[in-house]
Amino acid sequence: EAREYLYEQLKANGYTYLPSGTNFVLFPIRMKGDDFVGKMMEQGVSIRQWKFDGQYWCRVSLGTMPQMQAFASGLKTIS
């Protein structure tokens, strides 16, 4: 349920993602990774990022629905 919700929220905010069968989802971000992490932290959301082959990526661990809703709210605010 949390994964499908996350997929919907990423799509709604114009992000693509790598489908996952794990407890996390990866998606490319549209700004420098440190900037993205900082802006999400300002929203009370902690995520991980890294740069691979010139592209910044975000790794979001799946959590409870309230945690995923907090992530979605933060993402919407900064997108």
Protein backbone atom coordinates (compact mmCIF):
# COMPACT_ATOMS: atom_id res chain seq x y z
CA GLU A 1 0.00 0.00 0.00
CA ALA A 2 2.79 2.45 0.93
CA ARG A 3 4.73 1.67 -2.25
CA GLU A 4 1.72 2.26 -4.51
CA TYR A 5 0.94 5.50 -2.66
CA LEU A 6 4.54 6.65 -3.13
CA TYR A 7 4.42 5.81 -6.84
CA GLU A 8 1.22 7.86 -7.22
CA GLN A 9 2.72 10.82 -5.38
CA LEU A 10 5.91 10.78 -7.42
CA LYS A 11 3.91 10.71 -10.65
CA ALA A 12 1.64 13.52 -9.42
CA ASN A 13 4.73 15.69 -8.84
CA GLY A 14 6.25 14.92 -12.24
CA TYR A 15 8.88 12.41 -11.14
CA THR A 16 9.73 9.08 -12.70
CA TYR A 17 10.94 6.21 -10.52
CA LEU A 18 12.53 2.79 -10.74
CA PRO A 19 9.92 0.15 -9.88
CA SER A 20 11.01 -1.71 -6.77
CA GLY A 21 10.31 -4.96 -4.97
CA THR A 22 12.43 -3.83 -2.02
CA ASN A 23 11.73 -1.62 0.99
CA PHE A 24 12.85 1.52 -0.86
CA VAL A 25 12.25 3.39 -4.11
CA LEU A 26 14.79 5.28 -6.23
CA PHE A 27 13.97 8.26 -8.38
CA PRO A 28 16.01 10.91 -10.22
CA ILE A 29 15.77 14.39 -8.75
CA ARG A 30 15.76 17.71 -10.58
CA MET A 31 18.20 19.66 -8.42
CA LYS A 32 21.53 19.11 -6.72
CA GLY A 33 21.28 16.28 -4.24
CA ASP A 34 22.41 18.30 -1.20
CA ASP A 35 19.87 21.01 -2.02
CA PHE A 36 17.10 18.43 -2.28
CA VAL A 37 18.07 16.80 1.02
CA GLY A 38 18.24 20.21 2.74
CA LYS A 39 14.84 21.30 1.45
CA MET A 40 13.26 18.00 2.50
CA MET A 41 14.87 18.30 5.95
CA GLU A 42 13.24 21.73 6.28
CA GLN A 43 9.94 19.86 5.78
CA GLY A 44 10.86 17.36 8.51
CA VAL A 45 11.70 14.54 6.07
CA SER A 46 15.02 12.70 6.03
CA ILE A 47 16.07 10.99 2.79
CA ARG A 48 19.28 9.86 1.11
CA GLN A 49 20.73 11.01 -2.18
CA TRP A 50 23.70 10.32 -4.38
CA LYS A 51 25.01 11.15 -7.81
CA PHE A 52 25.43 8.45 -10.42
CA ASP A 53 26.53 9.04 -14.00
CA GLY A 54 25.84 12.78 -13.76
CA GLN A 55 22.33 12.40 -12.30
CA TYR A 56 21.26 13.00 -8.69
CA TRP A 57 19.02 10.29 -7.23
CA CYS A 58 16.85 10.04 -4.14
CA ARG A 59 16.35 6.86 -2.12
CA VAL A 60 13.14 6.78 -0.09
CA SER A 61 12.58 3.99 2.41
CA LEU A 62 9.02 2.75 2.62
CA GLY A 63 7.35 3.40 5.95
CA THR A 64 3.95 3.73 7.51
CA MET A 65 1.25 5.60 5.63
CA PRO A 66 1.65 8.68 7.89
CA GLN A 67 5.39 8.68 7.12
CA MET A 68 4.75 8.36 3.39
CA GLN A 69 2.17 11.16 3.58
CA ALA A 70 4.77 13.35 5.31
CA PHE A 71 7.21 12.60 2.50
CA ALA A 72 4.56 13.37 -0.14
CA SER A 73 3.70 16.66 1.55
CA GLY A 74 7.37 17.69 1.68
CA LEU A 75 7.92 16.70 -1.95
CA LYS A 76 4.89 18.67 -3.09
CA THR A 77 6.12 21.74 -1.21
CA ILE A 78 9.55 21.75 -2.85
CA SER A 79 8.52 20.59 -6.32
